[in-house]
Every structure is written in C-alpha cells, then in structure tokens.
C-alpha cells in the first residue's frame, strides 16, 4: 500500500537515495516495488575520438561545465571518483551517489480552486492577463514585459487560477529568496483552498502535495518533469541570467511541451530575441497600475565617498539626504555596492539614529528586518542589491551609494528605482544616485525610465 506522504514528497522530485526524510527501510521497499527508480548522480560520457576522453554531466543540476567536476579519492567506493561542484551547496553529487525519482502512480490533481482576489485591473493589466491565459492554453511560451509597479504579480493570479482549475501543476520560480518570501503570503491569501509550498534555502518542511509551488530557481535542481506551467518571475535577475545551469533547470522541471512564462521589467536581449524567433506570446505594459510615471533618478556627485567612510565619516550630502528623510518620517533604503562598505557605514548612520540597521544576503534575520521597515519599526535600512527587486514598502525613499560601481548595471538601477512610488497614495518619491563619476549604465537606466514614461503617456493618450 502506497503511503500518501511518501508519494506526495517524491512526485516530480529528484532526490538522493541516502538522504530522505523517511526511514531507509521504507525507501528500499519502494525501490524494490518499482515505485522509486534509481539513477546515477553523475553520467560519464566517453568521447568517440582517439583520446577516449571522459565527459561528465550532473543529473541533478544538469551542469556540463567540465571545469566544475572535481576528482577525489572516495572512501565510499574506494576508488578515484568525481563530484559536481556547481550544486555542492545542496549536498555533494558524486559518481557513486544514487538519485531516486518517483515512478509509481500519480493521483489526479484538484480542479476546483478559489481565487480570493477582489482587485480591479487596468485595461493594460486585463489585456496582459488574458494574453497569458491564451498562451498557457496554447502551450506557448510567453513574456510579460511590464515596468516596476505595473502590478505584475496580480496579472499572474487569473492565469494561475485558470491552470489550477484545469488540473495543472504550477511553479512560480524566481532567482531571489527575498522575492519568494514576498510572493508566498500573497499567493496564499488569494488561493486559500490550494496547497501551496515555498522552497528556498532553509525553508521548513511542508505537508501535503502542493499543486502550486513558489521556489527559488536553485531549488528547481531538485525537480524534474514536475510542472505543467512554469512562471519565471524577475527573469532578468542575478544569478539566473549568468548561470546556464539555472536556465536549464527551468526547462528541466517542466513536463513535455509545458509552457514557460517569463515576467520582468527589464528583459534581456536574449529573451527578446527568443520572443521573435520562437513566436512567443508577448505582453507589454509601459505604465504603472496607478497611472503615475516612474520616478526619474537624480544624479548627485559624492566624491571619494569610500575613503571618507573608511576614515569613519559620512559624506555631508549623504547625511543631509538621510536627515531629510528622518524629518519627513519617510522610510528609506540606501543601497551599497559591497557588504564591507555597508558594514563600515552602519555604525556611522547609527550615531545619527540608532534604529537604522543593515541587511545582506547572508543575514539570517533579513526577512524580519524588511518587515520592521514595512511596519515602521525602524526609519531606514542599509542594504546590498538583494533588495533591488521583489520588495514593496509604502512611501519608501531610495538612495544608491556608489552608483558608478560595476555591480549596479542599468537593469539593477532600473529595478532599484522601481522601489519608489509603488503605492497609489504615494505615487512619487525620491530616487538619487550618489556617484563618483557618471557611468554609461547610469545614463542608460535614466534614459530607459524616461522612454518608458513617454511611451506609457502616449499609450494612454492615443
């Protein structure tokens, strides 16, 4: 007899044989009854040429970069073995590691899901939502290109509801943990009778079979042919755009011919090219849902800011900007190019207001710190680029320190600018790029925001 909790855990997943949340004897029982099938974690491909060179492929993350396969003396198999370095953070995959996948019967998915959303779409949002539904119905890939604050998440709700009620399994994937933490409660609220799981590094165990999954793109390494619809939110974000294995993972987790929808405010040239060449569906929204234009960044020179901070002093212009926000009682985000510089600056800001705190990717309390800013428990938050997207704070004001740094690409600067003015009660606000010399990336970001504002205005007045 099949135990539902074991079946529900393994359906669509690819997992290590010796590291499951179930007793080993039960796993072996399911393997012997052919409900779980086994495969090697690393495939060895023998070259047909005279040199008989060996090539490796990781069957979890689908990495084929030979420089990321490391040979070592393995105590388990007592011979020279190899492991994949690319997905080592999720547990070591070596040639002698067994992976298991569910090969038993799969239950029918639920067809009756409630959509508890009472919002109203603009005409542009409604059109984009209908276009996405049409693409899902046609099993066609789709791009939603919409400016920051256009209401992209809300546009997804009817399409996800349509797919769920067709008995389809849906995954919403995003490169950033912070975006998963932002999306999960919103989807929980609007799909109250749907089993929904969130997967990210350190996520808790969640019971039942999830027909709707919100996950980081890294967590997709642990799935295979699992979903009927895959939606990639923030499809231009690091590290997804620079990691081919993550891009392969998106295609790995979909079932045959399952459509993929990409959602972004700043699509890459690669995605835009695919839209044309592969005849994807395409929706474009150049205007925010509340009808107001995108805030345009202001450039302010901050010469030798790093040297001043290293000497224990904040630049006067930065102090003035921050004190104005404190006087206005407006929450603020200040972005820094490096953790080191931010940590040097944090105590200097705290001399002015001890409640100001900082956050970065490795901070175990980053979720709680963002909540504190949202709940007005702190006046401001210093941050790295981890908060460049997927975060909405009412009336937030934003500054970038060191906007000329290489980490602040034009797309990153557009996303950071998009944190401002998202609320209909506070549709504008301050976005300032403090810099030690204006870069092309800064100019491109500003010009793109101006272009979108112009196009959004023209679209409304036509």
Protein backbone atom coordinates (compact mmCIF):
# COMPACT_ATOMS: atom_id res chain seq x y z
CA UNK A 1 0.00 0.00 0.00
CA UNK A 2 1.35 3.44 -1.01
CA UNK A 3 1.78 5.93 1.83
CA UNK A 4 0.47 9.34 0.64
CA UNK A 5 3.17 11.32 2.44
CA UNK A 6 5.94 9.40 0.63
CA UNK A 7 4.22 9.59 -2.75
CA UNK A 8 3.44 13.30 -2.36
CA UNK A 9 7.02 14.10 -1.37
CA UNK A 10 8.66 12.36 -4.33
CA UNK A 11 6.28 13.16 -7.20
CA UNK A 12 8.21 15.40 -9.60
CA UNK A 13 11.29 15.43 -7.38
CA UNK A 14 14.79 14.09 -7.92
CA UNK A 15 16.39 13.20 -4.57
CA UNK A 16 19.39 11.43 -3.08
CA UNK A 17 18.72 7.84 -2.07
CA UNK A 18 20.51 8.02 1.28
CA UNK A 19 19.24 11.42 2.41
CA UNK A 20 15.44 11.48 2.58
CA UNK A 21 13.07 12.46 5.41
CA UNK A 22 11.82 8.85 5.57
CA UNK A 23 13.26 5.66 7.14
CA UNK A 24 15.80 3.91 4.91
CA UNK A 25 13.93 0.59 5.01
CA UNK A 26 10.81 2.25 3.61
CA UNK A 27 12.77 3.82 0.76
CA UNK A 28 14.28 0.44 -0.12
CA UNK A 29 10.83 -1.12 -0.05
CA UNK A 30 9.54 1.43 -2.58
CA UNK A 31 12.62 0.88 -4.75
CA UNK A 32 12.08 -2.89 -4.74
CA UNK A 33 8.40 -2.44 -5.68
CA UNK A 34 9.41 -0.14 -8.60
CA UNK A 35 7.64 2.89 -7.14
CA UNK A 36 11.02 4.64 -6.96
CA UNK A 37 13.59 4.29 -9.71
CA UNK A 38 17.36 4.81 -9.35
CA UNK A 39 19.86 6.70 -11.49
CA UNK A 40 23.45 7.76 -11.02
CA UNK A 41 24.02 11.35 -9.93
CA UNK A 42 26.85 11.76 -12.46
CA UNK A 43 26.70 10.44 -16.01
CA UNK A 44 30.03 9.59 -17.63
CA UNK A 45 30.16 10.14 -21.39
CA UNK A 46 33.01 8.50 -23.28
CA UNK A 47 34.33 10.59 -26.17
CA UNK A 48 34.34 8.71 -29.52
CA UNK A 49 37.66 10.24 -30.58
CA UNK A 50 41.06 8.56 -30.35
CA UNK A 51 41.87 10.12 -26.97
CA UNK A 52 38.88 8.39 -25.32
CA UNK A 53 38.31 11.48 -23.18
CA UNK A 54 35.64 11.31 -20.49
CA UNK A 55 32.96 13.97 -20.06
CA UNK A 56 30.65 14.33 -17.08
CA UNK A 57 27.09 15.53 -16.61
CA UNK A 58 25.32 16.14 -13.29
CA UNK A 59 21.86 14.61 -13.35
CA UNK A 60 20.55 16.92 -10.62
CA UNK A 61 21.58 20.38 -11.86
CA UNK A 62 22.38 19.33 -15.47
CA UNK A 63 25.78 21.02 -15.24
CA UNK A 64 28.07 20.08 -18.14
CA UNK A 65 30.91 22.52 -17.47
CA UNK A 66 33.86 20.12 -17.13
CA UNK A 67 35.82 22.62 -15.03
CA UNK A 68 33.21 22.20 -12.28
CA UNK A 69 33.73 18.44 -11.90
CA UNK A 70 36.37 17.58 -9.28
CA UNK A 71 38.12 14.25 -8.90
CA UNK A 72 38.79 12.88 -5.41
CA UNK A 73 39.67 9.68 -3.55
CA UNK A 74 36.28 8.37 -2.44
CA UNK A 75 36.07 6.41 0.82
CA UNK A 76 32.64 5.09 -0.15
CA UNK A 77 33.60 3.39 -3.42
CA UNK A 78 37.34 3.03 -2.65
CA UNK A 79 38.48 4.48 -5.97
CA UNK A 80 39.05 7.73 -7.79
CA UNK A 81 35.63 9.39 -8.02
CA UNK A 82 34.25 12.72 -9.28
CA UNK A 83 31.70 15.19 -7.92
CA UNK A 84 29.82 18.23 -9.27
CA UNK A 85 30.99 21.48 -7.70
CA UNK A 86 28.17 23.52 -9.24
CA UNK A 87 25.41 22.30 -6.89
CA UNK A 88 27.64 21.35 -3.94
CA UNK A 89 25.71 23.75 -1.66
CA UNK A 90 22.72 21.39 -1.90
CA UNK A 91 24.73 18.29 -1.00
CA UNK A 92 27.52 16.54 -2.89
CA UNK A 93 26.65 14.73 -6.11
CA UNK A 94 29.33 12.15 -6.98
CA UNK A 95 29.52 9.21 -9.39
CA UNK A 96 28.67 6.78 -6.58
CA UNK A 97 25.64 8.81 -5.40
CA UNK A 98 22.25 7.32 -6.24
CA UNK A 99 19.35 9.60 -7.13
CA UNK A 100 15.75 8.42 -6.86
CA UNK A 101 12.65 9.58 -8.72
CA UNK A 102 9.01 8.60 -8.32
CA UNK A 103 7.85 6.07 -10.94
CA UNK A 104 4.66 4.92 -9.25
CA UNK A 105 1.05 6.06 -9.85
CA UNK A 106 0.23 9.78 -9.64
CA UNK A 107 -3.13 10.95 -8.22
CA UNK A 108 -5.42 13.26 -10.14
CA UNK A 109 -4.93 16.92 -9.32
CA UNK A 110 -7.65 19.05 -7.79
CA UNK A 111 -9.81 21.01 -10.30
CA UNK A 112 -11.69 23.40 -8.02
CA UNK A 113 -9.62 26.27 -6.65
CA UNK A 114 -10.84 29.53 -5.18
CA UNK A 115 -9.41 32.86 -6.35
CA UNK A 116 -9.97 35.26 -3.45
CA UNK A 117 -8.80 38.44 -5.14
CA UNK A 118 -11.13 41.43 -5.35
CA UNK A 119 -8.82 43.89 -7.06
CA UNK A 120 -9.57 45.60 -10.36
CA UNK A 121 -7.34 45.57 -13.41
CA UNK A 122 -6.45 48.47 -15.64
CA UNK A 123 -7.15 47.80 -19.32
CA UNK A 124 -3.45 47.05 -19.88
CA UNK A 125 -3.33 44.60 -16.97
CA UNK A 126 -6.50 42.84 -18.11
CA UNK A 127 -5.16 42.52 -21.64
CA UNK A 128 -1.83 41.09 -20.40
CA UNK A 129 -3.59 38.64 -18.10
CA UNK A 130 -5.86 37.40 -20.91
CA UNK A 131 -2.88 37.08 -23.25
CA UNK A 132 -1.04 34.98 -20.67
CA UNK A 133 -4.06 32.70 -20.22
CA UNK A 134 -4.26 32.27 -24.01
CA UNK A 135 -0.59 31.28 -24.17
CA UNK A 136 -0.99 28.74 -21.36
CA UNK A 137 -3.99 27.26 -23.17
CA UNK A 138 -1.95 27.01 -26.39
CA UNK A 139 1.11 25.63 -24.53
CA UNK A 140 3.13 28.56 -25.87
CA UNK A 141 5.91 30.40 -24.05
CA UNK A 142 5.10 33.97 -23.04
CA UNK A 143 6.86 37.17 -21.99
CA UNK A 144 5.25 39.74 -19.73
CA UNK A 145 7.34 42.90 -20.02
CA UNK A 146 5.94 45.40 -17.53
CA UNK A 147 7.51 48.33 -15.72
CA UNK A 148 8.26 48.15 -12.00
CA UNK A 149 5.00 48.79 -10.16
CA UNK A 150 2.75 47.73 -13.06
CA UNK A 151 1.15 45.02 -10.89
CA UNK A 152 2.88 42.02 -12.46
CA UNK A 153 2.06 39.67 -9.58
CA UNK A 154 -1.66 40.49 -9.76
CA UNK A 155 -1.60 39.84 -13.51
CA UNK A 156 -0.49 36.27 -12.74
CA UNK A 157 -3.42 35.45 -10.44
CA UNK A 158 -6.11 34.71 -13.10
CA UNK A 159 -3.64 32.72 -15.23
CA UNK A 160 -2.54 30.59 -12.27
CA UNK A 161 -6.22 30.10 -11.32
CA UNK A 162 -7.03 29.04 -14.91
CA UNK A 163 -4.19 26.48 -14.89
CA UNK A 164 -5.06 25.07 -11.46
CA UNK A 165 -8.70 24.60 -12.42
CA UNK A 166 -7.58 22.63 -15.46
CA UNK A 167 -5.89 20.22 -13.07
CA UNK A 168 -2.41 21.50 -13.89
CA UNK A 169 0.54 21.83 -11.52
CA UNK A 170 2.11 25.30 -11.47
CA UNK A 171 5.53 26.56 -10.39
CA UNK A 172 6.38 30.23 -9.88
CA UNK A 173 10.19 30.45 -9.75
CA UNK A 174 12.39 33.44 -9.02
CA UNK A 175 16.16 33.87 -8.58
CA UNK A 176 15.92 35.59 -5.18
CA UNK A 177 14.89 34.16 -1.79
CA UNK A 178 13.56 37.60 -0.80
CA UNK A 179 11.12 37.52 -3.73
CA UNK A 180 9.88 34.05 -2.68
CA UNK A 181 9.27 35.39 0.83
CA UNK A 182 7.38 38.34 -0.65
CA UNK A 183 5.28 36.27 -3.08
CA UNK A 184 4.38 33.31 -0.86
CA UNK A 185 1.97 35.08 1.55
CA UNK A 186 0.36 36.97 -1.35
CA UNK A 187 -0.41 33.75 -3.22
CA UNK A 188 -1.53 32.06 0.00
CA UNK A 189 -4.05 34.85 0.55
CA UNK A 190 -5.60 34.72 -2.93
CA UNK A 191 -5.60 30.89 -3.20
CA UNK A 192 -6.96 29.98 0.25
CA UNK A 193 -8.02 26.38 -0.54
CA UNK A 194 -4.93 25.44 -2.58
CA UNK A 195 -1.99 23.52 -1.11
CA UNK A 196 0.95 25.81 -1.74
CA UNK A 197 4.60 25.25 -0.82
CA UNK A 198 7.53 27.68 -0.74
CA UNK A 199 11.03 26.31 -1.37
CA UNK A 200 14.24 28.22 -0.67
CA UNK A 201 17.46 27.58 1.22
CA UNK A 202 16.47 26.65 4.76
CA UNK A 203 12.72 26.51 4.08
CA UNK A 204 10.73 24.42 6.59
CA UNK A 205 9.18 21.03 5.85
CA UNK A 206 5.67 21.47 4.45
CA UNK A 207 2.99 18.76 4.44
CA UNK A 208 0.75 17.59 1.60
CA UNK A 209 1.09 17.62 -2.17
CA UNK A 210 1.49 21.16 -3.49
CA UNK A 211 -0.27 21.87 -6.76
CA UNK A 212 1.20 25.39 -6.62
CA UNK A 213 4.88 25.87 -5.79
CA UNK A 214 6.80 29.13 -5.20
CA UNK A 215 10.55 28.46 -5.35
CA UNK A 216 13.96 29.92 -5.98
CA UNK A 217 15.47 28.84 -9.28
CA UNK A 218 18.19 26.99 -7.33
CA UNK A 219 15.53 24.76 -5.76
CA UNK A 220 14.49 23.66 -9.26
CA UNK A 221 17.58 21.46 -9.30
CA UNK A 222 15.57 19.14 -7.04
CA UNK A 223 12.68 18.74 -9.50
CA UNK A 224 12.31 17.04 -12.87
CA UNK A 225 9.34 16.96 -15.27
CA UNK A 226 7.18 18.12 -12.38
CA UNK A 227 5.13 21.07 -13.66
CA UNK A 228 2.55 21.75 -16.36
CA UNK A 229 3.17 25.52 -16.22
CA UNK A 230 6.37 27.31 -15.16
CA UNK A 231 6.42 31.05 -14.47
CA UNK A 232 9.82 32.73 -14.01
CA UNK A 233 9.37 35.98 -12.11
CA UNK A 234 12.20 38.56 -12.24
CA UNK A 235 13.68 36.63 -15.18
CA UNK A 236 16.50 39.15 -15.60
CA UNK A 237 17.83 38.86 -12.04
CA UNK A 238 21.23 37.64 -10.92
CA UNK A 239 22.26 34.82 -10.70
CA UNK A 240 19.72 33.39 -13.18
CA UNK A 241 20.91 35.43 -16.15
CA UNK A 242 24.57 34.44 -15.69
CA UNK A 243 24.09 30.76 -14.78
CA UNK A 244 23.31 28.38 -17.64
CA UNK A 245 22.53 25.55 -15.21
CA UNK A 246 19.76 27.62 -13.63
CA UNK A 247 18.35 28.36 -17.08
CA UNK A 248 18.47 24.65 -17.94
CA UNK A 249 16.75 23.86 -14.64
CA UNK A 250 13.68 25.88 -15.71
CA UNK A 251 13.31 23.67 -18.78
CA UNK A 252 14.18 20.50 -16.82
CA UNK A 253 11.30 20.89 -14.37
CA UNK A 254 8.55 21.30 -16.96
CA UNK A 255 6.66 18.38 -18.42
CA UNK A 256 6.75 17.79 -22.17
CA UNK A 257 5.53 20.86 -24.09
CA UNK A 258 4.63 22.69 -20.87
CA UNK A 259 4.69 26.49 -21.40
CA UNK A 260 7.07 28.84 -19.62
CA UNK A 261 6.14 32.45 -18.86
CA UNK A 262 8.88 34.99 -18.17
CA UNK A 263 7.95 38.08 -16.15
CA UNK A 264 10.28 41.07 -15.91
CA UNK A 265 10.60 44.84 -16.08
CA UNK A 266 13.97 44.62 -17.82
CA UNK A 267 14.05 41.69 -20.29
CA UNK A 268 17.44 40.65 -21.66
CA UNK A 269 18.24 40.86 -25.35
CA UNK A 270 18.34 37.05 -25.38
CA UNK A 271 14.72 36.78 -24.16
CA UNK A 272 13.52 39.50 -26.56
CA UNK A 273 15.22 37.63 -29.42
CA UNK A 274 13.55 34.35 -28.40
CA UNK A 275 10.15 36.05 -28.36
CA UNK A 276 10.52 36.92 -32.04
CA UNK A 277 12.33 33.83 -33.28
CA UNK A 278 10.17 31.27 -31.44
CA UNK A 279 6.84 33.11 -31.78
CA UNK A 280 6.16 33.51 -28.06
CA UNK A 281 3.17 35.35 -26.69
CA UNK A 282 4.16 38.87 -25.62
CA UNK A 283 2.53 41.44 -23.33
CA UNK A 284 3.95 44.93 -22.75
CA UNK A 285 2.83 47.38 -20.06
CA UNK A 286 4.82 50.67 -20.05
CA UNK A 287 2.76 52.32 -17.29
CA UNK A 288 2.22 51.65 -13.59
CA UNK A 289 -1.15 50.41 -12.40
CA UNK A 290 -1.95 53.74 -10.68
CA UNK A 291 -1.21 55.71 -13.85
CA UNK A 292 1.62 57.85 -12.46
CA UNK A 293 5.04 57.91 -14.17
CA UNK A 294 8.12 56.11 -12.89
CA UNK A 295 10.25 58.29 -10.59
CA UNK A 296 13.29 59.55 -12.52
CA UNK A 297 16.65 59.18 -10.72
CA UNK A 298 18.61 62.26 -9.76
CA UNK A 299 22.41 62.17 -10.10
CA UNK A 300 24.40 63.64 -7.20
CA UNK A 301 28.21 63.58 -7.03
CA UNK A 302 29.72 62.05 -3.89
CA UNK A 303 33.46 62.29 -4.50
CA UNK A 304 35.71 59.84 -2.62
CA UNK A 305 32.78 58.56 -0.55
CA UNK A 306 34.60 55.26 0.12
CA UNK A 307 37.68 56.98 1.51
CA UNK A 308 35.55 59.15 3.81
CA UNK A 309 33.60 56.15 5.12
CA UNK A 310 36.84 54.20 5.64
CA UNK A 311 38.06 57.11 7.78
CA UNK A 312 34.91 56.96 9.90
CA UNK A 313 32.99 59.85 8.36
CA UNK A 314 29.82 60.02 6.27
CA UNK A 315 29.82 62.45 3.32
CA UNK A 316 27.80 65.61 4.19
CA UNK A 317 25.47 65.22 1.18
CA UNK A 318 24.56 61.71 2.30
CA UNK A 319 23.94 62.90 5.87
CA UNK A 320 21.73 65.72 4.57
CA UNK A 321 19.70 63.36 2.40
CA UNK A 322 19.16 60.92 5.23
CA UNK A 323 18.25 63.63 7.79
CA UNK A 324 15.62 65.00 5.39
CA UNK A 325 14.02 61.55 5.25
CA UNK A 326 14.06 61.34 9.05
CA UNK A 327 12.41 64.76 9.35
CA UNK A 328 9.74 63.72 6.83
CA UNK A 329 9.32 60.40 8.69
CA UNK A 330 9.59 58.64 5.33
CA UNK A 331 11.09 55.13 5.34
CA UNK A 332 14.26 54.81 3.29
CA UNK A 333 16.53 52.27 1.63
CA UNK A 334 20.19 53.07 0.98
CA UNK A 335 21.95 50.66 -1.39
CA UNK A 336 25.70 49.97 -1.14
CA UNK A 337 27.96 48.26 -3.69
CA UNK A 338 29.68 45.96 -1.14
CA UNK A 339 28.93 44.41 2.24
CA UNK A 340 32.26 45.69 3.57
CA UNK A 341 31.49 49.33 2.80
CA UNK A 342 27.95 48.99 4.16
CA UNK A 343 29.18 47.48 7.44
CA UNK A 344 31.68 50.32 7.85
CA UNK A 345 28.90 52.86 7.24
CA UNK A 346 26.28 51.26 9.52
CA UNK A 347 27.66 52.47 12.90
CA UNK A 348 28.16 55.96 11.40
CA UNK A 349 24.45 56.10 10.50
CA UNK A 350 23.55 54.73 13.93
CA UNK A 351 25.32 57.70 15.55
CA UNK A 352 22.55 59.81 13.98
CA UNK A 353 19.73 57.34 14.62
CA UNK A 354 20.49 54.07 16.49
CA UNK A 355 17.45 52.35 14.95
CA UNK A 356 18.98 52.32 11.46
CA UNK A 357 20.14 48.78 10.60
CA UNK A 358 21.68 46.94 7.64
CA UNK A 359 20.97 43.71 5.75
CA UNK A 360 22.71 41.50 3.20
CA UNK A 361 22.29 38.09 1.54
CA UNK A 362 23.87 36.04 4.34
CA UNK A 363 21.93 37.79 7.10
CA UNK A 364 19.73 35.14 8.82
CA UNK A 365 17.35 37.90 10.00
CA UNK A 366 16.89 39.64 6.66
CA UNK A 367 13.19 38.74 6.41
CA UNK A 368 12.49 40.19 9.87
CA UNK A 369 14.44 43.37 9.08
CA UNK A 370 12.40 44.07 5.96
CA UNK A 371 9.21 43.53 7.99
CA UNK A 372 10.46 46.06 10.54
CA UNK A 373 10.89 48.67 7.82
CA UNK A 374 7.46 47.88 6.39
CA UNK A 375 5.88 48.16 9.86
CA UNK A 376 7.69 51.47 10.51
CA UNK A 377 9.57 50.00 13.46
CA UNK A 378 12.82 51.34 12.01
CA UNK A 379 13.35 54.55 10.00
CA UNK A 380 15.61 53.08 7.33
CA UNK A 381 17.55 50.09 6.10
CA UNK A 382 21.01 49.90 4.55
CA UNK A 383 21.23 47.10 2.01
CA UNK A 384 23.14 45.43 -0.78
CA UNK A 385 21.50 44.59 -4.12
CA UNK A 386 19.48 41.75 -2.54
CA UNK A 387 16.58 44.20 -2.11
CA UNK A 388 16.76 45.64 -5.63
CA UNK A 389 13.51 43.84 -6.53
CA UNK A 390 10.53 41.98 -5.08
CA UNK A 391 10.03 44.38 -2.18
CA UNK A 392 7.23 46.91 -1.75
CA UNK A 393 7.37 49.48 1.06
CA UNK A 394 4.78 52.25 1.22
CA UNK A 395 6.29 55.73 0.64
CA UNK A 396 9.86 54.40 0.60
CA UNK A 397 12.63 56.79 -0.50
CA UNK A 398 15.76 55.35 -2.08
CA UNK A 399 19.42 56.29 -2.46
CA UNK A 400 22.26 54.41 -4.14
CA UNK A 401 25.76 55.00 -2.77
CA UNK A 402 28.42 54.31 -5.39
CA UNK A 403 26.03 54.06 -8.33
CA UNK A 404 29.07 54.02 -10.64
CA UNK A 405 30.15 50.60 -9.27
CA UNK A 406 30.10 47.68 -11.72
CA UNK A 407 27.54 45.76 -9.67
CA UNK A 408 24.97 48.46 -10.44
CA UNK A 409 24.08 47.56 -14.03
CA UNK A 410 21.42 49.54 -15.85
CA UNK A 411 18.81 46.83 -15.15
CA UNK A 412 19.74 46.79 -11.44
CA UNK A 413 19.45 50.58 -11.26
CA UNK A 414 16.06 50.48 -13.01
CA UNK A 415 14.85 47.85 -10.53
CA UNK A 416 16.15 49.86 -7.56
CA UNK A 417 14.40 52.96 -8.90
CA UNK A 418 11.25 50.89 -9.20
CA UNK A 419 11.03 50.52 -5.41
CA UNK A 420 9.87 54.17 -5.25
CA UNK A 421 6.29 55.36 -5.81
CA UNK A 422 4.61 51.97 -5.98
CA UNK A 423 1.70 52.88 -3.70
CA UNK A 424 -1.25 54.83 -5.13
CA UNK A 425 -1.23 57.07 -2.01
CA UNK A 426 2.47 57.82 -2.54
CA UNK A 427 2.96 57.57 -6.32
CA UNK A 428 6.18 59.59 -6.45
CA UNK A 429 9.26 59.93 -4.28
CA UNK A 430 13.00 60.36 -4.20
CA UNK A 431 15.48 58.17 -6.04
CA UNK A 432 19.03 59.52 -6.04
CA UNK A 433 22.21 58.01 -7.49
CA UNK A 434 25.19 59.18 -5.41
CA UNK A 435 28.27 58.63 -7.55
CA UNK A 436 31.98 59.13 -8.04
CA UNK A 437 31.58 59.75 -11.77
CA UNK A 438 28.57 59.12 -14.03
CA UNK A 439 28.70 55.83 -15.94
CA UNK A 440 27.03 54.67 -19.13
CA UNK A 441 24.93 52.22 -17.05
CA UNK A 442 23.55 55.13 -15.03
CA UNK A 443 22.72 57.08 -18.19
CA UNK A 444 21.08 54.04 -19.81
CA UNK A 445 18.93 53.43 -16.73
CA UNK A 446 17.75 57.04 -16.60
CA UNK A 447 17.07 57.21 -20.35
CA UNK A 448 15.11 53.94 -20.25
CA UNK A 449 12.91 55.24 -17.42
CA UNK A 450 12.27 58.45 -19.38
CA UNK A 451 11.48 56.40 -22.51
CA UNK A 452 9.00 54.18 -20.65
CA UNK A 453 7.31 57.23 -19.11
CA UNK A 454 6.94 58.77 -22.57
CA UNK A 455 5.65 55.54 -24.09
CA UNK A 456 3.24 54.98 -21.21
CA UNK A 457 1.86 58.51 -21.62
CA UNK A 458 1.48 58.10 -25.39
CA UNK A 459 -0.28 54.75 -24.96
CA UNK A 460 -2.83 56.33 -22.61
CA UNK A 461 -3.48 59.39 -24.80
CA UNK A 462 -3.81 57.52 -28.10
